[in-house]
Every structure is written in structure tokens, then in C-alpha cells.
């Protein structure tokens, strides 16, 4: 038996329940993971806030975990190759990561980055794949400068680090309190608020080739449209309606166009983390049983880093 958090009804996380459930023995192509840490993302609670087409209740909560293999189906290989019971792994995109153990498809499981603690590794892949997809969609190339709205958030920090790996210069919007964080990951911070476009121009007199929006405010969208003429080089993960109206790209986040691209991104993120070239700043951890309290903290909007649940 294992403990899982589920949403038995649409609405507030206050409705969530911490329940005991059987974990079936894995069949071929499946793995049981003993969870050491579950990553937390706003999508965890947003996706059960209101009824969603194609989703039925109850909904198991949580999309990414770090842990170890507790059981593996016969003849099964994980996405990164051979594996055995006891191996350290990460898994994404799973359903029901807020758990002590869970059964997952083996193609969602990879050898975990040993350079990161479980609490960090559990928060690597959703933000990291979203960041990589944003850079990919706008075609950010070596030597270019891009503007990034929301540079101090989890996706923003991942964008800063991946952009640096690609030789892309980033001007990132943030509050003054977060300027050192942005600088620490290689970005050039500018304060959001009235006059933002002029401050970006001053920080990037050569111009910005592309705009990446991780916050979804009208200011972020309007500034992107003012600074970047080519709509194909603007992307948002937070303002799909504005994107549809103005004709630029919106992505759901962490959903690359092809399995091959997805697998390559996941492997790159783990390799960079293992090489010490990709960090996952951690703000706080909570016991798994306190998931509702952790979600309230996450929903405040400025946690200062990632949050992990620890069974």
C-alpha cells in the first residue's frame, strides 16, 4: 500500500485527500518508483481547479518525482537504458507524483542526476523542458540577445542557464529584489513596470531578436510586441488568449512537438545537471502529508525557488 494525494472534486486544494491505495505489480514496460521527493508546479493545482475535458475524477496529483526503482516489469528498460531495482531515477511526465510509491510507464523514467539532491532532481524536468522548448520555438541562436519576462521564476532561471549554454544573451525582467538572482544565472536584469521597453533597449542597444514570456501580463506581452516585429519569434507559456489574438506562439509548457525532441531535452538536462552546469534553486521542502500547506505557499506566486514534497 502507498499514500497518494488525489483531487476527488474540482476546486481548491483544500478539497484534496491523502488516501491509501494499492500499487500494482509492474507489467512489461512499467516501473514502480519509491518516491524520495515530489516536485511541485503551479500546474499541479491549476489542472484540477475546474472541470477539464477528457479528465475524470478523482485526479491523482503531481507530475514529476525523484526516487528509486522499487520494482520493474519483466524485460523492461527505462528511457535512458537498462535499470534494476534500487537504481536512482527521475520520472516525468507522470500522473500522481504526490505519493510514497507509484506505478509509471518505463518510457517516462530516466537515470537520475547524481549531482542533485532528490528534492532538486524532482524539480528539474518540467521547468527545464519548458525552458528548452521556449528557446527552441523562437529559434534563439548563438550571439543573439533575447528578452525574458519572469527571469527570476523557476522557468526563467532554467531559461537563463540553457541560454548561456547556447551562447544566447538574455535581458530578464524582475523585481529589484531578484536582480542578483538573475545576474547569478547570467542574465542582465531590468525592472518591470512603466517604461520597460525603454529599459530593455538601454540594456540591449543592439536590439532583441526574440521575446520569451513566462508571466503572461499585458505589460510583458505588449513589450514583446513592441520590441520584436517577427511574431514567430515571440512565445508565451502564460498568455494563450493574447497569443491567439496577436498571432504569436503559445505553448502549454513541457510538451515538445516530438518524442525524439522530448527525449533529447530530458537527456540534455540530466547531463547538464550531472556536470554541475544546471542548478535547481530550492526554496523550501514540506512533508508529503502537508501538501495542501505547500500548495498554498506555492500559489502565493513568489516562493523564491522550487518546492519539494518529501515522503
Protein backbone atom coordinates (compact mmCIF):
# COMPACT_ATOMS: atom_id res chain seq x y z
CA UNK A 1 0.00 0.00 0.00
CA UNK A 2 1.10 3.56 -0.64
CA UNK A 3 -0.14 7.03 0.24
CA UNK A 4 -1.33 9.31 -2.58
CA UNK A 5 -2.82 12.79 -2.84
CA UNK A 6 -5.92 12.94 -5.02
CA UNK A 7 -8.43 15.61 -6.04
CA UNK A 8 -11.85 13.97 -5.55
CA UNK A 9 -13.63 17.09 -6.80
CA UNK A 10 -12.83 20.13 -8.93
CA UNK A 11 -11.80 23.21 -7.00
CA UNK A 12 -9.49 24.26 -4.20
CA UNK A 13 -6.61 22.12 -2.90
CA UNK A 14 -8.48 22.26 0.41
CA UNK A 15 -10.64 19.51 -1.10
CA UNK A 16 -7.71 17.19 -1.77
CA UNK A 17 -7.48 13.92 0.14
CA UNK A 18 -4.45 11.91 1.31
CA UNK A 19 -5.50 8.32 0.73
CA UNK A 20 -4.05 4.83 0.88
CA UNK A 21 -4.01 2.92 -2.40
CA UNK A 22 -2.60 -0.34 -3.72
CA UNK A 23 0.32 -0.08 -6.14
CA UNK A 24 0.01 -2.91 -8.69
CA UNK A 25 2.98 -5.08 -9.59
CA UNK A 26 4.58 -3.69 -12.76
CA UNK A 27 3.89 -5.39 -16.08
CA UNK A 28 6.28 -5.26 -19.02
CA UNK A 29 7.02 -1.62 -19.81
CA UNK A 30 6.22 -0.43 -16.29
CA UNK A 31 8.19 0.59 -13.22
CA UNK A 32 7.26 1.14 -9.58
CA UNK A 33 9.13 4.10 -8.08
CA UNK A 34 9.68 4.61 -4.37
CA UNK A 35 9.40 8.39 -4.16
CA UNK A 36 12.10 10.30 -2.28
CA UNK A 37 10.81 13.72 -3.39
CA UNK A 38 7.94 15.06 -5.48
CA UNK A 39 8.40 18.26 -7.46
CA UNK A 40 5.76 20.99 -7.25
CA UNK A 41 4.47 23.21 -10.04
CA UNK A 42 1.53 25.62 -10.44
CA UNK A 43 0.07 23.19 -12.98
CA UNK A 44 -0.48 20.72 -10.14
CA UNK A 45 -3.36 22.72 -8.70
CA UNK A 46 -4.42 24.69 -11.79
CA UNK A 47 -5.27 21.49 -13.69
CA UNK A 48 -7.85 20.45 -11.09
CA UNK A 49 -9.25 23.89 -10.31
CA UNK A 50 -12.14 23.46 -12.76
CA UNK A 51 -13.59 20.66 -14.93
CA UNK A 52 -11.35 19.68 -17.85
CA UNK A 53 -12.42 17.88 -20.99
CA UNK A 54 -11.13 14.31 -21.09
CA UNK A 55 -10.22 14.23 -17.39
CA UNK A 56 -12.28 12.28 -14.88
CA UNK A 57 -12.33 12.42 -11.11
CA UNK A 58 -10.62 11.57 -8.87
CA UNK A 59 -7.37 13.01 -10.24
CA UNK A 60 -4.00 11.92 -8.84
CA UNK A 61 -1.81 14.97 -8.24
CA UNK A 62 1.83 15.62 -9.26
CA UNK A 63 3.83 15.45 -12.48
CA UNK A 64 7.46 14.77 -11.54
CA UNK A 65 9.38 12.77 -8.95
CA UNK A 66 12.82 11.62 -7.92
CA UNK A 67 13.39 8.33 -6.16
CA UNK A 68 14.48 4.76 -6.69
CA UNK A 69 13.14 1.77 -8.54
CA UNK A 70 11.14 -0.43 -6.16
CA UNK A 71 10.06 -2.93 -8.85
CA UNK A 72 10.45 -3.25 -12.60
CA UNK A 73 8.39 -5.20 -15.11
CA UNK A 74 9.85 -8.21 -16.91
CA UNK A 75 12.08 -7.38 -19.86
CA UNK A 76 11.68 -3.65 -19.19
CA UNK A 77 14.16 -0.88 -19.98
CA UNK A 78 13.67 2.71 -18.87
CA UNK A 79 14.03 5.66 -21.23
CA UNK A 80 17.75 6.01 -20.51
CA UNK A 81 18.55 2.30 -20.85
CA UNK A 82 18.92 -0.72 -18.60
CA UNK A 83 17.82 -0.43 -14.99
CA UNK A 84 17.34 -2.55 -11.91
CA UNK A 85 15.72 -2.39 -8.51
CA UNK A 86 17.42 0.17 -6.27
CA UNK A 87 18.61 2.42 -9.11
CA UNK A 88 18.16 6.15 -8.61
CA UNK A 89 15.73 7.62 -11.14
CA UNK A 90 13.61 10.63 -12.04
CA UNK A 91 10.27 10.44 -13.80
CA UNK A 92 8.28 12.95 -15.85
CA UNK A 93 5.53 13.44 -17.01
CA UNK A 94 3.74 11.16 -14.56
CA UNK A 95 0.27 11.23 -13.04
CA UNK A 96 0.19 11.09 -9.25
CA UNK A 97 3.67 12.10 -8.16
CA UNK A 98 2.47 13.29 -4.75
CA UNK A 99 2.86 9.79 -3.36
CA UNK A 100 5.09 7.42 -1.45
CA UNK A 101 5.16 4.94 -4.36
CA UNK A 102 3.66 4.95 -7.84
CA UNK A 103 3.45 2.84 -10.97
CA UNK A 104 4.61 4.64 -14.12
CA UNK A 105 5.33 3.82 -17.78
CA UNK A 106 9.01 3.00 -18.17
CA UNK A 107 9.45 5.47 -21.04
CA UNK A 108 8.88 8.31 -18.55
CA UNK A 109 11.71 7.14 -16.27
CA UNK A 110 15.38 8.12 -16.58
CA UNK A 111 18.52 7.56 -14.54
CA UNK A 112 18.58 10.39 -12.03
CA UNK A 113 21.23 13.12 -11.90
CA UNK A 114 23.53 12.10 -9.05
CA UNK A 115 24.85 15.67 -8.66
CA UNK A 116 21.44 16.87 -7.42
CA UNK A 117 19.65 16.04 -4.20
CA UNK A 118 16.32 14.27 -4.68
CA UNK A 119 14.46 17.47 -3.77
CA UNK A 120 16.25 19.30 -6.59
CA UNK A 121 16.11 16.46 -9.12
CA UNK A 122 12.35 16.16 -8.60
CA UNK A 123 12.01 19.74 -9.85
CA UNK A 124 14.36 19.53 -12.84
CA UNK A 125 12.34 18.27 -15.77
CA UNK A 126 9.08 20.22 -16.02
CA UNK A 127 10.66 23.67 -15.71
CA UNK A 128 13.70 22.56 -17.70
CA UNK A 129 11.80 21.10 -20.65
CA UNK A 130 9.51 24.14 -20.73
CA UNK A 131 12.53 26.45 -20.83
CA UNK A 132 14.19 24.43 -23.56
CA UNK A 133 11.01 24.39 -25.65
CA UNK A 134 10.68 28.18 -25.36
CA UNK A 135 14.21 28.72 -26.65
CA UNK A 136 13.63 26.15 -29.40
CA UNK A 137 10.33 27.67 -30.56
CA UNK A 138 11.80 31.16 -31.06
CA UNK A 139 14.96 29.79 -32.66
CA UNK A 140 17.30 31.51 -30.19
CA UNK A 141 20.79 31.27 -31.69
CA UNK A 142 24.32 31.83 -30.51
CA UNK A 143 25.23 35.51 -30.43
CA UNK A 144 21.65 36.75 -30.24
CA UNK A 145 20.01 38.71 -27.43
CA UNK A 146 16.53 37.84 -26.21
CA UNK A 147 14.21 39.41 -23.65
CA UNK A 148 12.79 37.11 -20.99
CA UNK A 149 9.78 38.13 -18.90
CA UNK A 150 9.83 36.49 -15.48
CA UNK A 151 13.54 35.81 -15.33
CA UNK A 152 13.69 35.03 -11.61
CA UNK A 153 10.99 32.33 -11.60
CA UNK A 154 11.61 28.60 -11.95
CA UNK A 155 11.19 28.52 -15.74
CA UNK A 156 13.06 31.82 -16.06
CA UNK A 157 16.08 30.54 -14.15
CA UNK A 158 16.14 27.44 -16.36
CA UNK A 159 15.95 29.64 -19.49
CA UNK A 160 18.86 31.75 -18.23
CA UNK A 161 21.07 28.71 -17.74
CA UNK A 162 20.14 26.99 -21.01
CA UNK A 163 20.56 30.24 -22.94
CA UNK A 164 24.05 30.63 -21.51
CA UNK A 165 24.87 27.10 -22.69
CA UNK A 166 23.79 28.12 -26.19
CA UNK A 167 25.66 31.42 -26.21
CA UNK A 168 22.45 33.45 -26.10
CA UNK A 169 22.43 36.75 -24.18
CA UNK A 170 19.34 37.35 -22.01
CA UNK A 171 17.81 40.59 -20.74
CA UNK A 172 15.46 39.45 -17.99
CA UNK A 173 12.64 41.30 -16.27
CA UNK A 174 12.45 41.00 -12.49
CA UNK A 175 11.89 42.97 -9.31
CA UNK A 176 14.97 44.72 -7.88
CA UNK A 177 14.99 42.20 -5.03
CA UNK A 178 15.66 39.45 -7.59
CA UNK A 179 18.35 41.24 -9.62
CA UNK A 180 21.24 39.34 -8.04
CA UNK A 181 19.48 36.06 -8.73
CA UNK A 182 19.13 36.97 -12.41
CA UNK A 183 22.77 38.12 -12.62
CA UNK A 184 23.91 34.96 -10.85
CA UNK A 185 22.48 32.85 -13.66
CA UNK A 186 23.96 35.00 -16.42
CA UNK A 187 21.12 37.39 -17.19
CA UNK A 188 21.00 41.18 -17.44
CA UNK A 189 18.20 42.29 -15.08
CA UNK A 190 15.77 45.11 -15.82
CA UNK A 191 12.89 46.17 -13.60
CA UNK A 192 9.39 45.58 -14.87
CA UNK A 193 6.88 48.44 -14.70
CA UNK A 194 6.22 51.60 -16.74
CA UNK A 195 8.99 52.32 -19.23
CA UNK A 196 10.02 48.67 -19.51
CA UNK A 197 10.60 48.72 -23.28
CA UNK A 198 12.99 51.65 -22.98
CA UNK A 199 14.95 49.91 -20.21
CA UNK A 200 15.27 46.79 -22.36
CA UNK A 201 16.52 48.90 -25.28
CA UNK A 202 19.12 50.52 -22.99
CA UNK A 203 20.29 47.09 -21.81
CA UNK A 204 20.36 45.74 -25.37
CA UNK A 205 21.22 48.61 -27.76
CA UNK A 206 21.82 46.04 -30.50
CA UNK A 207 18.13 45.07 -30.22
CA UNK A 208 16.46 41.87 -29.09
CA UNK A 209 15.91 39.07 -31.58
CA UNK A 210 13.18 37.25 -29.68
CA UNK A 211 10.89 37.51 -26.66
CA UNK A 212 10.01 34.79 -24.15
CA UNK A 213 7.12 35.37 -21.76
CA UNK A 214 6.84 33.30 -18.57
CA UNK A 215 4.47 35.64 -16.69
CA UNK A 216 1.57 36.42 -19.02
CA UNK A 217 0.91 40.03 -18.01
CA UNK A 218 -0.31 42.60 -20.53
CA UNK A 219 2.89 44.54 -19.90
CA UNK A 220 5.02 41.53 -20.85
CA UNK A 221 3.02 40.85 -24.00
CA UNK A 222 2.83 44.49 -25.08
CA UNK A 223 6.56 44.98 -24.55
CA UNK A 224 7.34 41.82 -26.53
CA UNK A 225 5.21 43.02 -29.43
CA UNK A 226 6.83 46.44 -29.34
CA UNK A 227 10.38 45.09 -29.36
CA UNK A 228 10.10 42.08 -31.70
CA UNK A 229 8.50 42.54 -35.11
CA UNK A 230 8.59 38.87 -36.14
CA UNK A 231 5.64 37.18 -34.41
CA UNK A 232 7.27 33.77 -34.97
CA UNK A 233 9.99 34.85 -32.54
CA UNK A 234 7.66 35.59 -29.62
CA UNK A 235 6.45 32.82 -27.31
CA UNK A 236 4.39 32.71 -24.13
CA UNK A 237 3.54 29.99 -21.66
CA UNK A 238 1.10 32.17 -19.72
CA UNK A 239 -0.98 34.31 -22.12
CA UNK A 240 -2.59 31.99 -24.70
CA UNK A 241 -5.51 34.32 -25.38
CA UNK A 242 -3.23 37.27 -26.19
CA UNK A 243 -1.14 34.97 -28.37
CA UNK A 244 -4.18 33.88 -30.36
CA UNK A 245 -5.30 37.48 -30.81
CA UNK A 246 -1.88 38.84 -31.84
CA UNK A 247 -0.65 35.88 -33.85
CA UNK A 248 2.40 34.76 -31.86
CA UNK A 249 3.28 31.40 -30.34
CA UNK A 250 1.81 29.96 -27.15
CA UNK A 251 2.94 26.63 -25.77
CA UNK A 252 1.44 24.65 -22.91
CA UNK A 253 4.87 24.04 -21.42
CA UNK A 254 6.87 20.82 -21.31
CA UNK A 255 5.08 19.35 -24.33
CA UNK A 256 7.62 19.27 -27.15
CA UNK A 257 6.40 18.53 -30.66
CA UNK A 258 8.04 15.11 -30.99
CA UNK A 259 9.06 12.24 -28.75
CA UNK A 260 12.61 12.36 -30.15
CA UNK A 261 12.95 16.02 -29.26
CA UNK A 262 11.47 15.40 -25.80
CA UNK A 263 13.87 12.56 -25.11
CA UNK A 264 16.83 14.61 -26.26
CA UNK A 265 15.85 17.51 -24.00
CA UNK A 266 15.44 15.30 -20.95
CA UNK A 267 18.82 13.67 -21.55
CA UNK A 268 20.47 17.08 -22.02
CA UNK A 269 19.01 18.44 -18.79
CA UNK A 270 20.21 15.46 -16.76
CA UNK A 271 23.68 15.59 -18.35
CA UNK A 272 23.99 19.32 -17.63
CA UNK A 273 22.88 18.80 -14.03
CA UNK A 274 25.37 15.98 -13.56
CA UNK A 275 28.13 18.19 -14.96
CA UNK A 276 27.28 20.95 -12.45
CA UNK A 277 26.14 23.31 -15.22
CA UNK A 278 22.42 23.35 -14.41
CA UNK A 279 21.13 24.22 -10.96
CA UNK A 280 17.65 23.89 -9.48
CA UNK A 281 17.29 26.54 -6.75
CA UNK A 282 15.22 25.14 -3.89
CA UNK A 283 13.13 27.43 -1.69
CA UNK A 284 11.55 25.01 0.75
CA UNK A 285 10.57 21.41 1.42
CA UNK A 286 7.43 20.09 3.10
CA UNK A 287 6.46 16.65 4.39
CA UNK A 288 4.28 14.87 1.84
CA UNK A 289 1.40 14.86 4.33
CA UNK A 290 1.45 18.69 4.28
CA UNK A 291 0.88 19.03 0.53
CA UNK A 292 -2.08 21.37 0.95
CA UNK A 293 0.01 23.79 3.01
CA UNK A 294 2.81 23.56 0.43
CA UNK A 295 0.41 24.37 -2.41
CA UNK A 296 -0.84 27.44 -0.56
CA UNK A 297 2.77 28.66 -0.30
CA UNK A 298 3.38 27.90 -3.99
CA UNK A 299 0.21 29.74 -5.01
CA UNK A 300 1.43 32.95 -3.37
CA UNK A 301 3.46 33.34 -6.56
CA UNK A 302 6.93 34.24 -5.30
CA UNK A 303 8.36 31.24 -3.45
CA UNK A 304 11.96 32.22 -4.29
CA UNK A 305 12.79 28.81 -5.77
CA UNK A 306 11.30 25.38 -6.20
CA UNK A 307 9.35 23.44 -3.58
CA UNK A 308 9.54 19.71 -2.93
CA UNK A 309 7.37 17.28 -1.01
CA UNK A 310 9.27 14.63 0.94
CA UNK A 311 7.55 11.38 1.98
